[in-house]
Structure formats: C-alpha cells, structure tokens
N, C-alpha and C. Protein backbone atom coordinates (compact mmCIF):
# COMPACT_ATOMS: atom_id res chain seq x y z
N UNK A 1 0.85 -1.17 0.00
CA UNK A 1 0.00 0.00 0.00
C UNK A 1 0.89 1.23 0.00
N UNK A 2 0.76 2.07 -1.00
CA UNK A 2 1.57 3.27 -1.07
C UNK A 2 0.71 4.50 -0.83
N UNK A 3 1.31 5.51 -0.23
CA UNK A 3 0.60 6.78 0.00
C UNK A 3 1.45 7.91 -0.53
N UNK A 4 0.81 8.97 -0.95
CA UNK A 4 1.52 10.15 -1.39
C UNK A 4 1.41 11.19 -0.29
N UNK A 5 2.53 11.57 0.26
CA UNK A 5 2.53 12.59 1.31
C UNK A 5 3.16 13.86 0.77
N UNK A 6 2.61 14.98 1.17
CA UNK A 6 3.20 16.26 0.80
C UNK A 6 3.04 16.61 -0.65
N UNK A 7 1.95 16.17 -1.30
CA UNK A 7 1.73 16.52 -2.70
C UNK A 7 1.54 18.03 -2.82
N UNK A 8 2.25 18.63 -3.76
CA UNK A 8 2.19 20.09 -3.94
C UNK A 8 1.14 20.44 -4.98
N UNK A 9 0.75 21.71 -4.98
CA UNK A 9 -0.19 22.21 -5.98
C UNK A 9 -1.59 22.27 -5.44
N UNK A 10 -2.47 22.91 -6.20
CA UNK A 10 -3.85 23.05 -5.74
C UNK A 10 -4.58 21.71 -5.76
N UNK A 11 -5.54 21.58 -4.88
CA UNK A 11 -6.34 20.36 -4.83
C UNK A 11 -7.20 20.27 -6.09
N UNK A 12 -7.40 19.07 -6.60
CA UNK A 12 -8.23 18.93 -7.80
C UNK A 12 -9.68 19.28 -7.49
N UNK A 13 -10.40 19.69 -8.52
CA UNK A 13 -11.82 20.00 -8.36
C UNK A 13 -12.57 18.73 -8.02
N UNK A 14 -13.59 18.87 -7.21
CA UNK A 14 -14.42 17.75 -6.77
C UNK A 14 -15.82 17.98 -7.31
N UNK A 15 -16.56 16.91 -7.58
CA UNK A 15 -17.90 17.01 -8.13
C UNK A 15 -18.93 17.03 -7.01
N UNK A 16 -19.75 18.10 -6.99
CA UNK A 16 -20.84 18.23 -6.03
C UNK A 16 -22.15 18.19 -6.82
N UNK A 17 -23.10 17.38 -6.36
CA UNK A 17 -24.40 17.26 -7.00
C UNK A 17 -25.48 17.67 -6.03
N UNK A 18 -26.44 18.46 -6.50
CA UNK A 18 -27.60 18.87 -5.72
C UNK A 18 -28.83 18.22 -6.33
N UNK A 19 -29.61 17.53 -5.50
CA UNK A 19 -30.87 16.92 -5.92
C UNK A 19 -31.98 17.64 -5.17
N UNK A 20 -32.94 18.17 -5.90
CA UNK A 20 -34.06 18.89 -5.30
C UNK A 20 -35.35 18.21 -5.70
N UNK A 21 -36.12 17.85 -4.71
CA UNK A 21 -37.42 17.23 -4.93
C UNK A 21 -37.90 16.60 -3.65
N UNK A 22 -39.17 16.34 -3.58
CA UNK A 22 -39.74 15.73 -2.39
C UNK A 22 -39.75 14.23 -2.58
N UNK A 23 -38.60 13.65 -2.44
CA UNK A 23 -38.35 12.25 -2.74
C UNK A 23 -39.24 11.32 -1.92
N UNK A 24 -40.28 10.80 -2.54
CA UNK A 24 -41.14 9.84 -1.89
C UNK A 24 -42.11 10.43 -0.88
N UNK A 25 -42.15 11.75 -0.77
CA UNK A 25 -43.06 12.39 0.18
C UNK A 25 -43.88 13.43 -0.57
N UNK A 26 -45.12 13.59 -0.15
CA UNK A 26 -45.98 14.57 -0.83
C UNK A 26 -46.79 15.34 0.19
N UNK A 27 -47.34 16.45 -0.24
CA UNK A 27 -48.22 17.25 0.61
C UNK A 27 -47.51 17.80 1.82
N UNK A 28 -48.24 17.87 2.94
CA UNK A 28 -47.70 18.45 4.17
C UNK A 28 -46.51 17.67 4.68
N UNK A 29 -46.45 16.38 4.41
CA UNK A 29 -45.32 15.57 4.86
C UNK A 29 -44.02 16.06 4.25
N UNK A 30 -44.08 16.59 3.04
CA UNK A 30 -42.88 17.08 2.38
C UNK A 30 -42.37 18.36 3.01
N UNK A 31 -43.25 19.11 3.67
CA UNK A 31 -42.85 20.35 4.29
C UNK A 31 -42.52 20.20 5.76
N UNK A 32 -42.79 19.03 6.32
CA UNK A 32 -42.58 18.81 7.74
C UNK A 32 -41.11 18.85 8.09
N UNK A 33 -40.80 19.39 9.25
CA UNK A 33 -39.43 19.38 9.74
C UNK A 33 -39.13 18.11 10.52
N UNK A 34 -40.16 17.31 10.74
CA UNK A 34 -39.99 16.08 11.50
C UNK A 34 -40.04 14.90 10.55
N UNK A 35 -39.30 13.82 10.89
CA UNK A 35 -39.35 12.63 10.03
C UNK A 35 -40.75 12.06 9.99
N UNK A 36 -41.11 11.46 8.88
CA UNK A 36 -42.42 10.85 8.78
C UNK A 36 -42.48 9.62 9.68
N UNK A 37 -43.69 9.24 10.07
CA UNK A 37 -43.87 8.08 10.93
C UNK A 37 -43.72 6.82 10.11
N UNK A 38 -43.52 5.70 10.79
CA UNK A 38 -43.39 4.42 10.11
C UNK A 38 -44.62 4.18 9.24
N UNK A 39 -44.43 3.59 8.10
CA UNK A 39 -45.54 3.31 7.21
C UNK A 39 -45.77 4.39 6.18
N UNK A 40 -45.09 5.53 6.32
CA UNK A 40 -45.18 6.58 5.31
C UNK A 40 -46.34 7.53 5.49
N UNK A 41 -47.25 7.26 6.44
CA UNK A 41 -48.38 8.17 6.65
C UNK A 41 -47.93 9.31 7.55
N UNK A 42 -48.44 10.46 7.26
CA UNK A 42 -48.12 11.63 8.08
C UNK A 42 -49.44 12.14 8.64
N UNK A 43 -49.55 12.28 9.96
CA UNK A 43 -50.83 12.62 10.55
C UNK A 43 -51.41 13.94 10.05
N UNK A 44 -50.60 14.92 9.71
CA UNK A 44 -51.11 16.19 9.25
C UNK A 44 -51.45 16.17 7.76
N UNK A 45 -51.06 15.13 7.08
CA UNK A 45 -51.31 15.05 5.64
C UNK A 45 -52.63 14.36 5.35
N UNK A 46 -53.35 13.95 6.40
CA UNK A 46 -54.62 13.28 6.17
C UNK A 46 -54.43 11.86 5.69
N UNK A 47 -53.43 11.17 6.19
CA UNK A 47 -53.16 9.80 5.76
C UNK A 47 -52.03 9.78 4.77
N UNK A 48 -51.89 8.65 4.11
CA UNK A 48 -50.77 8.55 3.18
C UNK A 48 -51.21 9.03 1.81
N UNK A 49 -50.32 9.74 1.14
CA UNK A 49 -50.58 10.23 -0.20
C UNK A 49 -49.64 9.50 -1.15
N UNK A 50 -50.19 8.92 -2.18
CA UNK A 50 -49.37 8.16 -3.12
C UNK A 50 -48.62 9.10 -4.04
N UNK A 51 -47.39 8.75 -4.33
CA UNK A 51 -46.61 9.47 -5.32
C UNK A 51 -46.78 8.73 -6.63
N UNK A 52 -47.36 9.39 -7.61
CA UNK A 52 -47.67 8.71 -8.86
C UNK A 52 -46.54 8.88 -9.86
N UNK A 53 -46.54 8.03 -10.86
CA UNK A 53 -45.53 8.10 -11.91
C UNK A 53 -45.68 9.35 -12.77
N UNK A 54 -46.83 10.03 -12.68
CA UNK A 54 -47.07 11.22 -13.50
C UNK A 54 -46.33 12.44 -12.98
N UNK A 55 -45.89 12.39 -11.72
CA UNK A 55 -45.18 13.52 -11.16
C UNK A 55 -43.75 13.54 -11.67
N UNK A 56 -43.20 14.72 -11.93
CA UNK A 56 -41.81 14.78 -12.39
C UNK A 56 -40.86 14.33 -11.28
N UNK A 57 -39.75 13.78 -11.68
CA UNK A 57 -38.74 13.35 -10.71
C UNK A 57 -37.99 14.54 -10.16
N UNK A 58 -37.08 14.26 -9.26
CA UNK A 58 -36.31 15.35 -8.67
C UNK A 58 -35.39 16.00 -9.71
N UNK A 59 -35.15 17.28 -9.52
CA UNK A 59 -34.21 18.00 -10.39
C UNK A 59 -32.80 17.76 -9.88
N UNK A 60 -31.84 17.71 -10.77
CA UNK A 60 -30.45 17.47 -10.38
C UNK A 60 -29.54 18.45 -11.08
N UNK A 61 -28.58 18.99 -10.31
CA UNK A 61 -27.56 19.87 -10.85
C UNK A 61 -26.21 19.43 -10.33
N UNK A 62 -25.17 19.72 -11.08
CA UNK A 62 -23.81 19.37 -10.68
C UNK A 62 -22.88 20.54 -10.93
N UNK A 63 -21.81 20.59 -10.16
CA UNK A 63 -20.75 21.56 -10.42
C UNK A 63 -19.43 21.01 -9.88
N UNK A 64 -18.36 21.47 -10.48
CA UNK A 64 -17.03 21.14 -9.97
C UNK A 64 -16.73 22.09 -8.83
N UNK A 65 -16.21 21.58 -7.74
CA UNK A 65 -15.90 22.39 -6.56
C UNK A 65 -14.40 22.46 -6.39
N UNK A 66 -13.87 23.68 -6.28
CA UNK A 66 -12.44 23.86 -6.06
C UNK A 66 -12.24 24.66 -4.78
N UNK A 67 -11.02 24.98 -4.46
CA UNK A 67 -10.73 25.77 -3.26
C UNK A 67 -11.38 27.16 -3.34
N UNK A 68 -11.68 27.63 -4.55
CA UNK A 68 -12.31 28.95 -4.75
C UNK A 68 -13.83 28.89 -4.68
N UNK A 69 -14.41 27.72 -4.54
CA UNK A 69 -15.86 27.58 -4.51
C UNK A 69 -16.35 26.84 -5.75
N UNK A 70 -17.65 27.01 -6.07
CA UNK A 70 -18.22 26.26 -7.17
C UNK A 70 -17.84 26.81 -8.53
N UNK A 71 -17.76 25.89 -9.47
CA UNK A 71 -17.59 26.27 -10.87
C UNK A 71 -18.97 26.43 -11.49
N UNK A 72 -19.04 26.48 -12.82
CA UNK A 72 -20.33 26.61 -13.49
C UNK A 72 -21.25 25.43 -13.14
N UNK A 73 -22.53 25.74 -12.99
CA UNK A 73 -23.52 24.73 -12.64
C UNK A 73 -24.14 24.19 -13.92
N UNK A 74 -24.27 22.87 -14.00
CA UNK A 74 -24.91 22.25 -15.16
C UNK A 74 -26.07 21.38 -14.69
N UNK A 75 -27.04 21.22 -15.55
CA UNK A 75 -28.21 20.40 -15.24
C UNK A 75 -27.84 18.93 -15.38
N UNK A 76 -28.30 18.12 -14.43
CA UNK A 76 -28.07 16.68 -14.48
C UNK A 76 -26.79 16.28 -13.77
N UNK A 77 -26.48 15.01 -13.90
CA UNK A 77 -25.27 14.45 -13.29
C UNK A 77 -24.13 14.45 -14.29
N UNK A 78 -22.96 14.82 -13.84
CA UNK A 78 -21.78 14.85 -14.71
C UNK A 78 -20.89 13.63 -14.50
N UNK A 79 -21.21 12.80 -13.55
CA UNK A 79 -20.39 11.64 -13.22
C UNK A 79 -20.64 11.24 -11.78
N UNK A 80 -19.74 10.48 -11.22
CA UNK A 80 -19.87 10.03 -9.84
C UNK A 80 -19.52 11.18 -8.90
N UNK A 81 -20.50 11.68 -8.12
CA UNK A 81 -20.23 12.84 -7.26
C UNK A 81 -19.39 12.48 -6.04
N UNK A 82 -18.57 13.44 -5.62
CA UNK A 82 -17.84 13.30 -4.36
C UNK A 82 -18.75 13.64 -3.19
N UNK A 83 -19.76 14.48 -3.45
CA UNK A 83 -20.71 14.90 -2.43
C UNK A 83 -22.07 15.08 -3.10
N UNK A 84 -23.10 14.51 -2.47
CA UNK A 84 -24.46 14.70 -2.95
C UNK A 84 -25.25 15.39 -1.85
N UNK A 85 -25.93 16.47 -2.22
CA UNK A 85 -26.79 17.22 -1.32
C UNK A 85 -28.22 17.03 -1.80
N UNK A 86 -29.13 16.69 -0.90
CA UNK A 86 -30.53 16.47 -1.26
C UNK A 86 -31.40 17.37 -0.39
N UNK A 87 -32.29 18.10 -1.05
CA UNK A 87 -33.11 19.09 -0.37
C UNK A 87 -34.52 19.04 -0.94
N UNK A 88 -35.53 19.12 -0.08
CA UNK A 88 -36.91 19.17 -0.54
C UNK A 88 -37.17 20.46 -1.31
N UNK A 89 -38.19 20.44 -2.14
CA UNK A 89 -38.49 21.59 -2.99
C UNK A 89 -38.78 22.85 -2.18
N UNK A 90 -39.61 22.75 -1.15
CA UNK A 90 -39.94 23.93 -0.36
C UNK A 90 -38.70 24.51 0.33
N UNK A 91 -37.86 23.62 0.84
CA UNK A 91 -36.63 24.09 1.49
C UNK A 91 -35.67 24.69 0.48
N UNK A 92 -35.61 24.12 -0.72
CA UNK A 92 -34.75 24.69 -1.77
C UNK A 92 -35.22 26.10 -2.15
N UNK A 93 -36.52 26.28 -2.22
CA UNK A 93 -37.05 27.62 -2.50
C UNK A 93 -36.70 28.59 -1.38
N UNK A 94 -36.75 28.11 -0.14
CA UNK A 94 -36.38 28.97 0.99
C UNK A 94 -34.90 29.35 0.94
N UNK A 95 -34.05 28.41 0.55
CA UNK A 95 -32.62 28.73 0.41
C UNK A 95 -32.43 29.71 -0.73
N UNK A 96 -33.09 29.44 -1.86
CA UNK A 96 -32.97 30.31 -3.04
C UNK A 96 -33.41 31.74 -2.72
N UNK A 97 -34.44 31.88 -1.87
CA UNK A 97 -34.96 33.20 -1.49
C UNK A 97 -34.28 33.76 -0.25
N UNK A 98 -33.18 33.15 0.15
CA UNK A 98 -32.37 33.54 1.32
C UNK A 98 -33.17 33.57 2.62
N UNK A 99 -34.19 32.73 2.72
CA UNK A 99 -34.98 32.62 3.94
C UNK A 99 -34.49 31.47 4.82
N UNK A 100 -33.64 30.60 4.27
CA UNK A 100 -33.12 29.45 4.99
C UNK A 100 -31.64 29.31 4.66
N UNK A 101 -30.82 29.30 5.68
CA UNK A 101 -29.39 29.12 5.50
C UNK A 101 -29.11 27.63 5.32
N UNK A 102 -28.26 27.25 4.36
CA UNK A 102 -27.96 25.83 4.16
C UNK A 102 -27.41 25.14 5.41
N UNK A 103 -26.62 25.84 6.22
CA UNK A 103 -26.10 25.23 7.44
C UNK A 103 -27.23 24.91 8.41
N UNK A 104 -28.21 25.78 8.50
CA UNK A 104 -29.36 25.54 9.37
C UNK A 104 -30.17 24.35 8.84
N UNK A 105 -30.37 24.31 7.52
CA UNK A 105 -31.10 23.19 6.92
C UNK A 105 -30.38 21.87 7.22
N UNK A 106 -29.06 21.87 7.17
CA UNK A 106 -28.29 20.67 7.48
C UNK A 106 -28.47 20.27 8.94
N UNK A 107 -28.33 21.25 9.84
CA UNK A 107 -28.44 20.96 11.28
C UNK A 107 -29.84 20.49 11.65
N UNK A 108 -30.86 20.93 10.93
CA UNK A 108 -32.23 20.51 11.21
C UNK A 108 -32.61 19.22 10.49
N UNK A 109 -31.69 18.66 9.74
CA UNK A 109 -31.97 17.42 9.03
C UNK A 109 -32.77 17.60 7.76
N UNK A 110 -32.92 18.83 7.31
CA UNK A 110 -33.68 19.11 6.09
C UNK A 110 -32.80 19.02 4.85
N UNK A 111 -31.50 19.18 5.01
CA UNK A 111 -30.53 19.00 3.94
C UNK A 111 -29.83 17.68 4.20
N UNK A 112 -30.07 16.71 3.34
CA UNK A 112 -29.46 15.39 3.46
C UNK A 112 -28.16 15.38 2.66
N UNK A 113 -27.19 14.65 3.15
CA UNK A 113 -25.90 14.60 2.46
C UNK A 113 -25.41 13.17 2.34
N UNK A 114 -24.58 12.96 1.36
CA UNK A 114 -23.94 11.67 1.15
C UNK A 114 -22.59 11.94 0.50
N UNK A 115 -21.54 11.36 1.06
CA UNK A 115 -20.23 11.52 0.45
C UNK A 115 -19.22 12.13 1.38
N UNK A 116 -18.34 12.95 0.84
CA UNK A 116 -17.18 13.50 1.51
C UNK A 116 -17.57 14.59 2.52
N UNK A 117 -17.44 14.28 3.81
CA UNK A 117 -17.82 15.24 4.85
C UNK A 117 -16.92 16.47 4.88
N UNK A 118 -15.65 16.32 4.56
CA UNK A 118 -14.75 17.49 4.51
C UNK A 118 -15.19 18.44 3.41
N UNK A 119 -15.61 17.90 2.28
CA UNK A 119 -16.11 18.73 1.19
C UNK A 119 -17.43 19.39 1.60
N UNK A 120 -18.28 18.67 2.33
CA UNK A 120 -19.52 19.26 2.85
C UNK A 120 -19.22 20.47 3.71
N UNK A 121 -18.24 20.36 4.59
CA UNK A 121 -17.88 21.50 5.44
C UNK A 121 -17.41 22.69 4.61
N UNK A 122 -16.68 22.43 3.54
CA UNK A 122 -16.25 23.51 2.64
C UNK A 122 -17.44 24.18 1.97
N UNK A 123 -18.41 23.38 1.53
CA UNK A 123 -19.60 23.91 0.88
C UNK A 123 -20.40 24.76 1.87
N UNK A 124 -20.61 24.24 3.08
CA UNK A 124 -21.37 24.98 4.09
C UNK A 124 -20.64 26.25 4.51
N UNK A 125 -19.31 26.18 4.62
CA UNK A 125 -18.53 27.37 4.96
C UNK A 125 -18.69 28.43 3.87
N UNK A 126 -18.61 28.02 2.61
CA UNK A 126 -18.75 28.95 1.49
C UNK A 126 -20.16 29.56 1.47
N UNK A 127 -21.18 28.77 1.85
CA UNK A 127 -22.55 29.28 1.80
C UNK A 127 -22.79 30.39 2.82
N UNK A 128 -21.86 30.57 3.76
CA UNK A 128 -21.98 31.64 4.75
C UNK A 128 -21.22 32.90 4.34
N UNK A 129 -20.65 32.91 3.14
CA UNK A 129 -19.88 34.06 2.67
C UNK A 129 -20.75 34.97 1.80
N UNK A 130 -20.31 36.20 1.56
CA UNK A 130 -21.06 37.10 0.67
C UNK A 130 -21.16 36.59 -0.77
N UNK A 131 -20.31 35.64 -1.15
CA UNK A 131 -20.37 35.10 -2.50
C UNK A 131 -21.61 34.25 -2.73
N UNK A 132 -22.17 33.69 -1.66
CA UNK A 132 -23.32 32.78 -1.81
C UNK A 132 -24.55 33.48 -2.38
N UNK A 133 -25.02 34.60 -1.81
CA UNK A 133 -26.21 35.25 -2.39
C UNK A 133 -26.02 35.66 -3.85
N UNK A 134 -24.83 36.13 -4.20
CA UNK A 134 -24.61 36.51 -5.59
C UNK A 134 -24.61 35.28 -6.50
N UNK A 135 -24.09 34.16 -5.99
CA UNK A 135 -24.13 32.93 -6.78
C UNK A 135 -25.58 32.48 -6.97
N UNK A 136 -26.40 32.59 -5.92
CA UNK A 136 -27.81 32.22 -6.05
C UNK A 136 -28.50 33.05 -7.12
N UNK A 137 -28.21 34.34 -7.17
CA UNK A 137 -28.85 35.17 -8.19
C UNK A 137 -28.38 34.78 -9.59
N UNK A 138 -27.15 34.34 -9.72
CA UNK A 138 -26.67 33.92 -11.05
C UNK A 138 -27.25 32.56 -11.43
N UNK A 139 -27.74 31.81 -10.44
CA UNK A 139 -28.35 30.51 -10.72
C UNK A 139 -29.87 30.63 -10.85
N UNK A 140 -30.38 31.85 -10.93
CA UNK A 140 -31.83 32.07 -10.94
C UNK A 140 -32.53 31.35 -12.09
N UNK A 141 -31.83 31.13 -13.19
CA UNK A 141 -32.46 30.47 -14.33
C UNK A 141 -32.66 28.97 -14.10
N UNK A 142 -32.06 28.42 -13.04
CA UNK A 142 -32.25 27.01 -12.74
C UNK A 142 -33.64 26.83 -12.15
N UNK A 143 -34.43 26.01 -12.77
CA UNK A 143 -35.81 25.82 -12.35
C UNK A 143 -35.93 24.67 -11.36
N UNK A 144 -36.61 24.94 -10.26
CA UNK A 144 -36.88 23.91 -9.27
C UNK A 144 -38.11 23.11 -9.70
N UNK A 145 -38.21 21.85 -9.27
CA UNK A 145 -39.39 21.07 -9.63
C UNK A 145 -40.64 21.64 -8.97
N UNK A 146 -41.79 21.40 -9.57
CA UNK A 146 -43.04 21.87 -9.00
C UNK A 146 -43.36 23.27 -9.44
N UNK A 147 -44.49 23.81 -8.98
CA UNK A 147 -44.87 25.17 -9.35
C UNK A 147 -43.97 26.19 -8.69
N UNK A 148 -43.51 27.19 -9.44
CA UNK A 148 -42.64 28.26 -8.91
C UNK A 148 -43.33 29.58 -9.02
C-alpha cells in the first residue's frame, strides 16, 4: 500500500451534485421538519398520499468544486459525485430566497448529504460568505421542480 505525502499544488476540483425534490413524500409531509412516521403516513397530511408516476422526478444539478468555490452549474449528473446534497423543494425555494441558511437546513436534518464530509464542510462554509447570495442570483435560471 503506497501513499503520497506532501503533494504540492492546488487540490483537484471535486464534483458536487444537488438533488431537489420531495423524494417519496408529498403534501404536508414534504414540508414537515420532523421525520415521517413508520408506514409513510403523516398525521397532518390526512393519511398517506401516493406518489404517482405522472409527477416529475427530482431535479439534479452538478458543479465542480475547487478551493475557490463552485464552478459553473450544469443540469443533471456529470459523473460520480464526491458529495451529494438532497433538499426538498420547499426548502430549496427557501434557500434560493435567502430565507433558509444551508447550514441551518443541514443541522435541522432538512438538507441530506452523502459523500465526503470534509467537502460538505467547505460547501457549508462557502454558503456563509457574501459570494453565496450573488451565486444564487446567477443561478436564478435554474428551475426547481413543482410550481414556482
């Protein structure tokens, strides 16, 4: 087993993917801050609501992440992500409208993650900088699933 220690130069860009949609949840259950109960029924949703095949799937975007932050955002998956962020549609709209901080969404369990935790910390740290709101405005053309 060989390791490379002390490699010089900038770190390579990493792939970050954002998935937005109410994955398997509908109605009030999708907006709840609490996990759904066993069986998929949510008491405030009036029972269980079926997710039909007619509904559009979650939206996906990807970008290369470097030490300077995100690169250009593209629709869909560009390959195997180093970090995947998953956010419900309502919460994504709140982040887009600067009503919800991504770090708060993560701490409340509303932002789900999979992959490199060190990269996640970099993304969350960057989202607290002045560059984040300006990046959101430049991503305004990205359409979230559902009615906007």
